[in-house]
Amino acid sequence: FHLMNARRLKLMKPGAVIINTSRGEVIDENALTRGLRAGEIAGAG
């Protein structure tokens, strides 16, 4: 649960993208949204 939390998402390179076809609970969705909006993560599928 939230294995990809806010701290780990911030570790990603700014040009990196994240893909999730497993379970939504593995990613902190609010933190992901903030990272995408701030340009800290390049994209998500």
ModelCIF file with pLDDT and N, C-alpha, C, O atoms, coordinates in Angstrom:
data_MODEL
#
_entry.id   MODEL 
#
_entity.id                         1 
_entity.type                       polymer 
_entity.pdbx_number_of_molecules   1 
#
_entity_poly.entity_id                      1 
_entity_poly.type                           'polypeptide(L)' 
_entity_poly.nstd_linkage                   no 
_entity_poly.nstd_monomer                   no 
_entity_poly.pdbx_seq_one_letter_code       FHLMNARRLKLMKPGAVIINTSRGEVIDENALTRGLRAGEIAGAG 
_entity_poly.pdbx_seq_one_letter_code_can   FHLMNARRLKLMKPGAVIINTSRGEVIDENALTRGLRAGEIAGAG 
_entity_poly.pdbx_strand_id                 A 
#
loop_
_entity_poly_seq.entity_id 
_entity_poly_seq.num 
_entity_poly_seq.mon_id 
_entity_poly_seq.hetero 
1 1  PHE n 
1 2  HIS n 
1 3  LEU n 
1 4  MET n 
1 5  ASN n 
1 6  ALA n 
1 7  ARG n 
1 8  ARG n 
1 9  LEU n 
1 10 LYS n 
1 11 LEU n 
1 12 MET n 
1 13 LYS n 
1 14 PRO n 
1 15 GLY n 
1 16 ALA n 
1 17 VAL n 
1 18 ILE n 
1 19 ILE n 
1 20 ASN n 
1 21 THR n 
1 22 SER n 
1 23 ARG n 
1 24 GLY n 
1 25 GLU n 
1 26 VAL n 
1 27 ILE n 
1 28 ASP n 
1 29 GLU n 
1 30 ASN n 
1 31 ALA n 
1 32 LEU n 
1 33 THR n 
1 34 ARG n 
1 35 GLY n 
1 36 LEU n 
1 37 ARG n 
1 38 ALA n 
1 39 GLY n 
1 40 GLU n 
1 41 ILE n 
1 42 ALA n 
1 43 GLY n 
1 44 ALA n 
1 45 GLY n 
#
_struct_asym.id          A 
_struct_asym.entity_id   1 
#
loop_
_ma_qa_metric.id 
_ma_qa_metric.mode 
_ma_qa_metric.name 
_ma_qa_metric.software_group_id 
_ma_qa_metric.type 
1 global pLDDT . pLDDT 
2 local  pLDDT . pLDDT 
#
_ma_qa_metric_global.metric_id      1 
_ma_qa_metric_global.metric_value   96.82 
_ma_qa_metric_global.model_id       1 
_ma_qa_metric_global.ordinal_id     1 
#
loop_
_ma_qa_metric_local.label_asym_id 
_ma_qa_metric_local.label_comp_id 
_ma_qa_metric_local.label_seq_id 
_ma_qa_metric_local.metric_id 
_ma_qa_metric_local.metric_value 
_ma_qa_metric_local.model_id 
_ma_qa_metric_local.ordinal_id 
A PHE 1  2 95.00 1 1  
A HIS 2  2 97.00 1 2  
A LEU 3  2 97.00 1 3  
A MET 4  2 98.00 1 4  
A ASN 5  2 98.00 1 5  
A ALA 6  2 98.00 1 6  
A ARG 7  2 98.00 1 7  
A ARG 8  2 98.00 1 8  
A LEU 9  2 98.00 1 9  
A LYS 10 2 98.00 1 10 
A LEU 11 2 98.00 1 11 
A MET 12 2 98.00 1 12 
A LYS 13 2 97.00 1 13 
A PRO 14 2 96.00 1 14 
A GLY 15 2 96.00 1 15 
A ALA 16 2 98.00 1 16 
A VAL 17 2 98.00 1 17 
A ILE 18 2 98.00 1 18 
A ILE 19 2 98.00 1 19 
A ASN 20 2 98.00 1 20 
A THR 21 2 97.00 1 21 
A SER 22 2 95.00 1 22 
A ARG 23 2 93.00 1 23 
A GLY 24 2 95.00 1 24 
A GLU 25 2 95.00 1 25 
A VAL 26 2 97.00 1 26 
A ILE 27 2 97.00 1 27 
A ASP 28 2 97.00 1 28 
A GLU 29 2 96.00 1 29 
A ASN 30 2 95.00 1 30 
A ALA 31 2 97.00 1 31 
A LEU 32 2 97.00 1 32 
A THR 33 2 97.00 1 33 
A ARG 34 2 96.00 1 34 
A GLY 35 2 97.00 1 35 
A LEU 36 2 97.00 1 36 
A ARG 37 2 95.00 1 37 
A ALA 38 2 95.00 1 38 
A GLY 39 2 95.00 1 39 
A GLU 40 2 96.00 1 40 
A ILE 41 2 97.00 1 41 
A ALA 42 2 97.00 1 42 
A GLY 43 2 98.00 1 43 
A ALA 44 2 98.00 1 44 
A GLY 45 2 98.00 1 45 
#
loop_
_atom_site.group_PDB 
_atom_site.id 
_atom_site.type_symbol 
_atom_site.label_atom_id 
_atom_site.label_alt_id 
_atom_site.label_comp_id 
_atom_site.label_asym_id 
_atom_site.label_entity_id 
_atom_site.label_seq_id 
_atom_site.pdbx_PDB_ins_code 
_atom_site.Cartn_x 
_atom_site.Cartn_y 
_atom_site.Cartn_z 
_atom_site.occupancy 
_atom_site.B_iso_or_equiv 
_atom_site.pdbx_formal_charge 
_atom_site.auth_seq_id 
_atom_site.auth_comp_id 
_atom_site.auth_asym_id 
_atom_site.auth_atom_id 
_atom_site.pdbx_PDB_model_num 
ATOM 1   N N  . PHE A 1 1  ? 0.848  -1.196 0.000   1.00 95.00 ? 1  PHE A N  1 
ATOM 2   C CA . PHE A 1 1  ? 0.000  0.000  0.000   1.00 95.00 ? 1  PHE A CA 1 
ATOM 3   C C  . PHE A 1 1  ? 0.882  1.245  0.000   1.00 95.00 ? 1  PHE A C  1 
ATOM 4   O O  . PHE A 1 1  ? 1.736  1.411  0.871   1.00 95.00 ? 1  PHE A O  1 
ATOM 5   N N  . HIS A 1 2  ? 0.668  2.124  -0.991  1.00 97.00 ? 2  HIS A N  1 
ATOM 6   C CA . HIS A 1 2  ? 1.459  3.355  -1.143  1.00 97.00 ? 2  HIS A CA 1 
ATOM 7   C C  . HIS A 1 2  ? 2.958  3.050  -1.158  1.00 97.00 ? 2  HIS A C  1 
ATOM 8   O O  . HIS A 1 2  ? 3.761  3.816  -0.626  1.00 97.00 ? 2  HIS A O  1 
ATOM 9   N N  . LEU A 1 3  ? 3.321  1.929  -1.771  1.00 97.00 ? 3  LEU A N  1 
ATOM 10  C CA . LEU A 1 3  ? 4.744  1.628  -1.914  1.00 97.00 ? 3  LEU A CA 1 
ATOM 11  C C  . LEU A 1 3  ? 5.432  2.753  -2.686  1.00 97.00 ? 3  LEU A C  1 
ATOM 12  O O  . LEU A 1 3  ? 6.560  3.138  -2.375  1.00 97.00 ? 3  LEU A O  1 
ATOM 13  N N  . MET A 1 4  ? 4.736  3.268  -3.691  1.00 98.00 ? 4  MET A N  1 
ATOM 14  C CA . MET A 1 4  ? 5.210  4.476  -4.383  1.00 98.00 ? 4  MET A CA 1 
ATOM 15  C C  . MET A 1 4  ? 4.554  5.672  -3.701  1.00 98.00 ? 4  MET A C  1 
ATOM 16  O O  . MET A 1 4  ? 3.553  6.213  -4.171  1.00 98.00 ? 4  MET A O  1 
ATOM 17  N N  . ASN A 1 5  ? 5.155  6.066  -2.574  1.00 98.00 ? 5  ASN A N  1 
ATOM 18  C CA . ASN A 1 5  ? 4.625  7.175  -1.783  1.00 98.00 ? 5  ASN A CA 1 
ATOM 19  C C  . ASN A 1 5  ? 5.232  8.504  -2.244  1.00 98.00 ? 5  ASN A C  1 
ATOM 20  O O  . ASN A 1 5  ? 5.981  8.549  -3.220  1.00 98.00 ? 5  ASN A O  1 
ATOM 21  N N  . ALA A 1 6  ? 4.904  9.568  -1.539  1.00 98.00 ? 6  ALA A N  1 
ATOM 22  C CA . ALA A 1 6  ? 5.388  10.896 -1.949  1.00 98.00 ? 6  ALA A CA 1 
ATOM 23  C C  . ALA A 1 6  ? 6.909  10.959 -1.977  1.00 98.00 ? 6  ALA A C  1 
ATOM 24  O O  . ALA A 1 6  ? 7.493  11.553 -2.883  1.00 98.00 ? 6  ALA A O  1 
ATOM 25  N N  . ARG A 1 7  ? 7.544  10.357 -0.998  1.00 98.00 ? 7  ARG A N  1 
ATOM 26  C CA . ARG A 1 7  ? 9.008  10.406 -0.949  1.00 98.00 ? 7  ARG A CA 1 
ATOM 27  C C  . ARG A 1 7  ? 9.618  9.683  -2.133  1.00 98.00 ? 7  ARG A C  1 
ATOM 28  O O  . ARG A 1 7  ? 10.550 10.193 -2.754  1.00 98.00 ? 7  ARG A O  1 
ATOM 29  N N  . ARG A 1 8  ? 9.103  8.485  -2.461  1.00 98.00 ? 8  ARG A N  1 
ATOM 30  C CA . ARG A 1 8  ? 9.676  7.724  -3.583  1.00 98.00 ? 8  ARG A CA 1 
ATOM 31  C C  . ARG A 1 8  ? 9.357  8.387  -4.915  1.00 98.00 ? 8  ARG A C  1 
ATOM 32  O O  . ARG A 1 8  ? 10.195 8.385  -5.816  1.00 98.00 ? 8  ARG A O  1 
ATOM 33  N N  . LEU A 1 9  ? 8.181  8.947  -5.055  1.00 98.00 ? 9  LEU A N  1 
ATOM 34  C CA . LEU A 1 9  ? 7.849  9.624  -6.296  1.00 98.00 ? 9  LEU A CA 1 
ATOM 35  C C  . LEU A 1 9  ? 8.790  10.797 -6.549  1.00 98.00 ? 9  LEU A C  1 
ATOM 36  O O  . LEU A 1 9  ? 9.119  11.091 -7.698  1.00 98.00 ? 9  LEU A O  1 
ATOM 37  N N  . LYS A 1 10 ? 9.223  11.466 -5.486  1.00 98.00 ? 10 LYS A N  1 
ATOM 38  C CA . LYS A 1 10 ? 10.163 12.576 -5.640  1.00 98.00 ? 10 LYS A CA 1 
ATOM 39  C C  . LYS A 1 10 ? 11.551 12.101 -6.061  1.00 98.00 ? 10 LYS A C  1 
ATOM 40  O O  . LYS A 1 10 ? 12.356 12.891 -6.554  1.00 98.00 ? 10 LYS A O  1 
ATOM 41  N N  . LEU A 1 11 ? 11.835 10.815 -5.868  1.00 98.00 ? 11 LEU A N  1 
ATOM 42  C CA . LEU A 1 11 ? 13.120 10.271 -6.301  1.00 98.00 ? 11 LEU A CA 1 
ATOM 43  C C  . LEU A 1 11 ? 13.188 10.090 -7.818  1.00 98.00 ? 11 LEU A C  1 
ATOM 44  O O  . LEU A 1 11 ? 14.277 10.013 -8.386  1.00 98.00 ? 11 LEU A O  1 
ATOM 45  N N  . MET A 1 12 ? 12.024 10.024 -8.476  1.00 98.00 ? 12 MET A N  1 
ATOM 46  C CA . MET A 1 12 ? 12.006 9.797  -9.913  1.00 98.00 ? 12 MET A CA 1 
ATOM 47  C C  . MET A 1 12 ? 12.641 10.960 -10.663 1.00 98.00 ? 12 MET A C  1 
ATOM 48  O O  . MET A 1 12 ? 12.546 12.112 -10.240 1.00 98.00 ? 12 MET A O  1 
ATOM 49  N N  . LYS A 1 13 ? 13.295 10.647 -11.789 1.00 97.00 ? 13 LYS A N  1 
ATOM 50  C CA . LYS A 1 13 ? 13.873 11.682 -12.635 1.00 97.00 ? 13 LYS A CA 1 
ATOM 51  C C  . LYS A 1 13 ? 12.753 12.540 -13.237 1.00 97.00 ? 13 LYS A C  1 
ATOM 52  O O  . LYS A 1 13 ? 11.673 12.018 -13.515 1.00 97.00 ? 13 LYS A O  1 
ATOM 53  N N  . PRO A 1 14 ? 12.979 13.819 -13.442 1.00 96.00 ? 14 PRO A N  1 
ATOM 54  C CA . PRO A 1 14 ? 11.924 14.682 -14.013 1.00 96.00 ? 14 PRO A CA 1 
ATOM 55  C C  . PRO A 1 14 ? 11.425 14.211 -15.372 1.00 96.00 ? 14 PRO A C  1 
ATOM 56  O O  . PRO A 1 14 ? 10.277 14.466 -15.737 1.00 96.00 ? 14 PRO A O  1 
ATOM 57  N N  . GLY A 1 15 ? 12.281 13.527 -16.121 1.00 96.00 ? 15 GLY A N  1 
ATOM 58  C CA . GLY A 1 15 ? 11.861 13.047 -17.433 1.00 96.00 ? 15 GLY A CA 1 
ATOM 59  C C  . GLY A 1 15 ? 11.260 11.661 -17.426 1.00 96.00 ? 15 GLY A C  1 
ATOM 60  O O  . GLY A 1 15 ? 10.959 11.116 -18.488 1.00 96.00 ? 15 GLY A O  1 
ATOM 61  N N  . ALA A 1 16 ? 11.078 11.071 -16.242 1.00 98.00 ? 16 ALA A N  1 
ATOM 62  C CA . ALA A 1 16 ? 10.578 9.695  -16.151 1.00 98.00 ? 16 ALA A CA 1 
ATOM 63  C C  . ALA A 1 16 ? 9.056  9.648  -16.168 1.00 98.00 ? 16 ALA A C  1 
ATOM 64  O O  . ALA A 1 16 ? 8.379  10.621 -15.837 1.00 98.00 ? 16 ALA A O  1 
ATOM 65  N N  . VAL A 1 17 ? 8.534  8.476  -16.567 1.00 98.00 ? 17 VAL A N  1 
ATOM 66  C CA . VAL A 1 17 ? 7.092  8.251  -16.552 1.00 98.00 ? 17 VAL A CA 1 
ATOM 67  C C  . VAL A 1 17 ? 6.806  7.006  -15.718 1.00 98.00 ? 17 VAL A C  1 
ATOM 68  O O  . VAL A 1 17 ? 7.671  6.148  -15.541 1.00 98.00 ? 17 VAL A O  1 
ATOM 69  N N  . ILE A 1 18 ? 5.584  6.924  -15.214 1.00 98.00 ? 18 ILE A N  1 
ATOM 70  C CA . ILE A 1 18 ? 5.170  5.795  -14.392 1.00 98.00 ? 18 ILE A CA 1 
ATOM 71  C C  . ILE A 1 18 ? 3.923  5.161  -14.987 1.00 98.00 ? 18 ILE A C  1 
ATOM 72  O O  . ILE A 1 18 ? 3.002  5.860  -15.411 1.00 98.00 ? 18 ILE A O  1 
ATOM 73  N N  . ILE A 1 19 ? 3.898  3.830  -15.016 1.00 98.00 ? 19 ILE A N  1 
ATOM 74  C CA . ILE A 1 19 ? 2.804  3.066  -15.598 1.00 98.00 ? 19 ILE A CA 1 
ATOM 75  C C  . ILE A 1 19 ? 2.243  2.134  -14.527 1.00 98.00 ? 19 ILE A C  1 
ATOM 76  O O  . ILE A 1 19 ? 3.002  1.472  -13.818 1.00 98.00 ? 19 ILE A O  1 
ATOM 77  N N  . ASN A 1 20 ? 0.924  2.082  -14.408 1.00 98.00 ? 20 ASN A N  1 
ATOM 78  C CA . ASN A 1 20 ? 0.313  1.184  -13.418 1.00 98.00 ? 20 ASN A CA 1 
ATOM 79  C C  . ASN A 1 20 ? -0.832 0.400  -14.037 1.00 98.00 ? 20 ASN A C  1 
ATOM 80  O O  . ASN A 1 20 ? -1.869 0.965  -14.386 1.00 98.00 ? 20 ASN A O  1 
ATOM 81  N N  . THR A 1 21 ? -0.636 -0.912 -14.171 1.00 97.00 ? 21 THR A N  1 
ATOM 82  C CA . THR A 1 21 ? -1.688 -1.814 -14.633 1.00 97.00 ? 21 THR A CA 1 
ATOM 83  C C  . THR A 1 21 ? -2.000 -2.852 -13.567 1.00 97.00 ? 21 THR A C  1 
ATOM 84  O O  . THR A 1 21 ? -2.619 -3.875 -13.861 1.00 97.00 ? 21 THR A O  1 
ATOM 85  N N  . SER A 1 22 ? -1.579 -2.602 -12.334 1.00 95.00 ? 22 SER A N  1 
ATOM 86  C CA . SER A 1 22 ? -1.724 -3.578 -11.261 1.00 95.00 ? 22 SER A CA 1 
ATOM 87  C C  . SER A 1 22 ? -2.877 -3.216 -10.333 1.00 95.00 ? 22 SER A C  1 
ATOM 88  O O  . SER A 1 22 ? -4.015 -3.631 -10.551 1.00 95.00 ? 22 SER A O  1 
ATOM 89  N N  . ARG A 1 23 ? -2.572 -2.437 -9.294  1.00 93.00 ? 23 ARG A N  1 
ATOM 90  C CA . ARG A 1 23 ? -3.584 -1.974 -8.352  1.00 93.00 ? 23 ARG A CA 1 
ATOM 91  C C  . ARG A 1 23 ? -3.307 -0.515 -8.024  1.00 93.00 ? 23 ARG A C  1 
ATOM 92  O O  . ARG A 1 23 ? -2.162 -0.124 -7.799  1.00 93.00 ? 23 ARG A O  1 
ATOM 93  N N  . GLY A 1 24 ? -4.362 0.282  -7.999  1.00 95.00 ? 24 GLY A N  1 
ATOM 94  C CA . GLY A 1 24 ? -4.208 1.707  -7.773  1.00 95.00 ? 24 GLY A CA 1 
ATOM 95  C C  . GLY A 1 24 ? -3.649 2.052  -6.410  1.00 95.00 ? 24 GLY A C  1 
ATOM 96  O O  . GLY A 1 24 ? -2.986 3.077  -6.252  1.00 95.00 ? 24 GLY A O  1 
ATOM 97  N N  . GLU A 1 25 ? -3.911 1.200  -5.414  1.00 95.00 ? 25 GLU A N  1 
ATOM 98  C CA . GLU A 1 25 ? -3.485 1.505  -4.049  1.00 95.00 ? 25 GLU A CA 1 
ATOM 99  C C  . GLU A 1 25 ? -1.971 1.485  -3.875  1.00 95.00 ? 25 GLU A C  1 
ATOM 100 O O  . GLU A 1 25 ? -1.466 1.964  -2.860  1.00 95.00 ? 25 GLU A O  1 
ATOM 101 N N  . VAL A 1 26 ? -1.247 0.949  -4.832  1.00 97.00 ? 26 VAL A N  1 
ATOM 102 C CA . VAL A 1 26 ? 0.215  0.882  -4.710  1.00 97.00 ? 26 VAL A CA 1 
ATOM 103 C C  . VAL A 1 26 ? 0.838  2.277  -4.834  1.00 97.00 ? 26 VAL A C  1 
ATOM 104 O O  . VAL A 1 26 ? 1.933  2.511  -4.321  1.00 97.00 ? 26 VAL A O  1 
ATOM 105 N N  . ILE A 1 27 ? 0.154  3.196  -5.505  1.00 97.00 ? 27 ILE A N  1 
ATOM 106 C CA . ILE A 1 27 ? 0.654  4.563  -5.685  1.00 97.00 ? 27 ILE A CA 1 
ATOM 107 C C  . ILE A 1 27 ? -0.169 5.531  -4.831  1.00 97.00 ? 27 ILE A C  1 
ATOM 108 O O  . ILE A 1 27 ? -1.396 5.435  -4.785  1.00 97.00 ? 27 ILE A O  1 
ATOM 109 N N  . ASP A 1 28 ? 0.503  6.450  -4.166  1.00 97.00 ? 28 ASP A N  1 
ATOM 110 C CA . ASP A 1 28 ? -0.176 7.554  -3.495  1.00 97.00 ? 28 ASP A CA 1 
ATOM 111 C C  . ASP A 1 28 ? -0.656 8.501  -4.594  1.00 97.00 ? 28 ASP A C  1 
ATOM 112 O O  . ASP A 1 28 ? 0.122  9.289  -5.132  1.00 97.00 ? 28 ASP A O  1 
ATOM 113 N N  . GLU A 1 29 ? -1.938 8.414  -4.917  1.00 96.00 ? 29 GLU A N  1 
ATOM 114 C CA . GLU A 1 29 ? -2.465 9.118  -6.085  1.00 96.00 ? 29 GLU A CA 1 
ATOM 115 C C  . GLU A 1 29 ? -2.403 10.634 -5.930  1.00 96.00 ? 29 GLU A C  1 
ATOM 116 O O  . GLU A 1 29 ? -2.151 11.347 -6.901  1.00 96.00 ? 29 GLU A O  1 
ATOM 117 N N  . ASN A 1 30 ? -2.631 11.129 -4.718  1.00 95.00 ? 30 ASN A N  1 
ATOM 118 C CA . ASN A 1 30 ? -2.557 12.575 -4.509  1.00 95.00 ? 30 ASN A CA 1 
ATOM 119 C C  . ASN A 1 30 ? -1.133 13.077 -4.707  1.00 95.00 ? 30 ASN A C  1 
ATOM 120 O O  . ASN A 1 30 ? -0.912 14.126 -5.313  1.00 95.00 ? 30 ASN A O  1 
ATOM 121 N N  . ALA A 1 31 ? -0.164 12.314 -4.188  1.00 97.00 ? 31 ALA A N  1 
ATOM 122 C CA . ALA A 1 31 ? 1.236  12.715 -4.359  1.00 97.00 ? 31 ALA A CA 1 
ATOM 123 C C  . ALA A 1 31 ? 1.643  12.635 -5.826  1.00 97.00 ? 31 ALA A C  1 
ATOM 124 O O  . ALA A 1 31 ? 2.387  13.487 -6.313  1.00 97.00 ? 31 ALA A O  1 
ATOM 125 N N  . LEU A 1 32 ? 1.157  11.615 -6.530  1.00 97.00 ? 32 LEU A N  1 
ATOM 126 C CA . LEU A 1 32 ? 1.448  11.496 -7.960  1.00 97.00 ? 32 LEU A CA 1 
ATOM 127 C C  . LEU A 1 32 ? 0.892  12.690 -8.721  1.00 97.00 ? 32 LEU A C  1 
ATOM 128 O O  . LEU A 1 32 ? 1.563  13.257 -9.584  1.00 97.00 ? 32 LEU A O  1 
ATOM 129 N N  . THR A 1 33 ? -0.324 13.063 -8.397  1.00 97.00 ? 33 THR A N  1 
ATOM 130 C CA . THR A 1 33 ? -0.951 14.200 -9.077  1.00 97.00 ? 33 THR A CA 1 
ATOM 131 C C  . THR A 1 33 ? -0.144 15.477 -8.855  1.00 97.00 ? 33 THR A C  1 
ATOM 132 O O  . THR A 1 33 ? 0.067  16.256 -9.785  1.00 97.00 ? 33 THR A O  1 
ATOM 133 N N  . ARG A 1 34 ? 0.304  15.684 -7.617  1.00 96.00 ? 34 ARG A N  1 
ATOM 134 C CA . ARG A 1 34 ? 1.111  16.883 -7.323  1.00 96.00 ? 34 ARG A CA 1 
ATOM 135 C C  . ARG A 1 34 ? 2.414  16.865 -8.117  1.00 96.00 ? 34 ARG A C  1 
ATOM 136 O O  . ARG A 1 34 ? 2.835  17.891 -8.653  1.00 96.00 ? 34 ARG A O  1 
ATOM 137 N N  . GLY A 1 35 ? 3.051  15.699 -8.192  1.00 97.00 ? 35 GLY A N  1 
ATOM 138 C CA . GLY A 1 35 ? 4.310  15.596 -8.926  1.00 97.00 ? 35 GLY A CA 1 
ATOM 139 C C  . GLY A 1 35 ? 4.140  15.847 -10.411 1.00 97.00 ? 35 GLY A C  1 
ATOM 140 O O  . GLY A 1 35 ? 4.986  16.485 -11.037 1.00 97.00 ? 35 GLY A O  1 
ATOM 141 N N  . LEU A 1 36 ? 3.058  15.353 -10.975 1.00 97.00 ? 36 LEU A N  1 
ATOM 142 C CA . LEU A 1 36 ? 2.784  15.560 -12.396 1.00 97.00 ? 36 LEU A CA 1 
ATOM 143 C C  . LEU A 1 36 ? 2.480  17.024 -12.690 1.00 97.00 ? 36 LEU A C  1 
ATOM 144 O O  . LEU A 1 36 ? 2.949  17.574 -13.686 1.00 97.00 ? 36 LEU A O  1 
ATOM 145 N N  . ARG A 1 37 ? 1.690  17.654 -11.816 1.00 95.00 ? 37 ARG A N  1 
ATOM 146 C CA . ARG A 1 37 ? 1.329  19.059 -12.018 1.00 95.00 ? 37 ARG A CA 1 
ATOM 147 C C  . ARG A 1 37 ? 2.543  19.978 -11.883 1.00 95.00 ? 37 ARG A C  1 
ATOM 148 O O  . ARG A 1 37 ? 2.634  21.014 -12.541 1.00 95.00 ? 37 ARG A O  1 
ATOM 149 N N  . ALA A 1 38 ? 3.482  19.570 -11.006 1.00 95.00 ? 38 ALA A N  1 
ATOM 150 C CA . ALA A 1 38 ? 4.665  20.402 -10.768 1.00 95.00 ? 38 ALA A CA 1 
ATOM 151 C C  . ALA A 1 38 ? 5.777  20.145 -11.778 1.00 95.00 ? 38 ALA A C  1 
ATOM 152 O O  . ALA A 1 38 ? 6.806  20.820 -11.746 1.00 95.00 ? 38 ALA A O  1 
ATOM 153 N N  . GLY A 1 39 ? 5.583  19.176 -12.676 1.00 95.00 ? 39 GLY A N  1 
ATOM 154 C CA . GLY A 1 39 ? 6.615  18.857 -13.650 1.00 95.00 ? 39 GLY A CA 1 
ATOM 155 C C  . GLY A 1 39 ? 7.747  18.026 -13.084 1.00 95.00 ? 39 GLY A C  1 
ATOM 156 O O  . GLY A 1 39 ? 8.792  17.889 -13.719 1.00 95.00 ? 39 GLY A O  1 
ATOM 157 N N  . GLU A 1 40 ? 7.552  17.464 -11.884 1.00 96.00 ? 40 GLU A N  1 
ATOM 158 C CA . GLU A 1 40 ? 8.574  16.611 -11.266 1.00 96.00 ? 40 GLU A CA 1 
ATOM 159 C C  . GLU A 1 40 ? 8.568  15.206 -11.850 1.00 96.00 ? 40 GLU A C  1 
ATOM 160 O O  . GLU A 1 40 ? 9.544  14.468 -11.717 1.00 96.00 ? 40 GLU A O  1 
ATOM 161 N N  . ILE A 1 41 ? 7.470  14.840 -12.497 1.00 97.00 ? 41 ILE A N  1 
ATOM 162 C CA . ILE A 1 41 ? 7.320  13.559 -13.185 1.00 97.00 ? 41 ILE A CA 1 
ATOM 163 C C  . ILE A 1 41 ? 6.789  13.879 -14.579 1.00 97.00 ? 41 ILE A C  1 
ATOM 164 O O  . ILE A 1 41 ? 5.852  14.665 -14.722 1.00 97.00 ? 41 ILE A O  1 
ATOM 165 N N  . ALA A 1 42 ? 7.385  13.273 -15.607 1.00 97.00 ? 42 ALA A N  1 
ATOM 166 C CA . ALA A 1 42 ? 7.043  13.668 -16.982 1.00 97.00 ? 42 ALA A CA 1 
ATOM 167 C C  . ALA A 1 42 ? 5.669  13.188 -17.421 1.00 97.00 ? 42 ALA A C  1 
ATOM 168 O O  . ALA A 1 42 ? 5.006  13.862 -18.209 1.00 97.00 ? 42 ALA A O  1 
ATOM 169 N N  . GLY A 1 43 ? 5.231  12.038 -16.929 1.00 98.00 ? 43 GLY A N  1 
ATOM 170 C CA . GLY A 1 43 ? 3.945  11.536 -17.383 1.00 98.00 ? 43 GLY A CA 1 
ATOM 171 C C  . GLY A 1 43 ? 3.553  10.270 -16.647 1.00 98.00 ? 43 GLY A C  1 
ATOM 172 O O  . GLY A 1 43 ? 4.356  9.681  -15.924 1.00 98.00 ? 43 GLY A O  1 
ATOM 173 N N  . ALA A 1 44 ? 2.298  9.854  -16.841 1.00 98.00 ? 44 ALA A N  1 
ATOM 174 C CA . ALA A 1 44 ? 1.783  8.643  -16.206 1.00 98.00 ? 44 ALA A CA 1 
ATOM 175 C C  . ALA A 1 44 ? 0.758  7.983  -17.111 1.00 98.00 ? 44 ALA A C  1 
ATOM 176 O O  . ALA A 1 44 ? -0.005 8.652  -17.808 1.00 98.00 ? 44 ALA A O  1 
ATOM 177 N N  . GLY A 1 45 ? 0.756  6.661  -17.087 1.00 98.00 ? 45 GLY A N  1 
ATOM 178 C CA . GLY A 1 45 ? -0.263 5.879  -17.769 1.00 98.00 ? 45 GLY A CA 1 
ATOM 179 C C  . GLY A 1 45 ? -0.912 4.965  -16.750 1.00 98.00 ? 45 GLY A C  1 
ATOM 180 O O  . GLY A 1 45 ? -1.813 4.199  -17.093 1.00 98.00 ? 45 GLY A O  1 
#
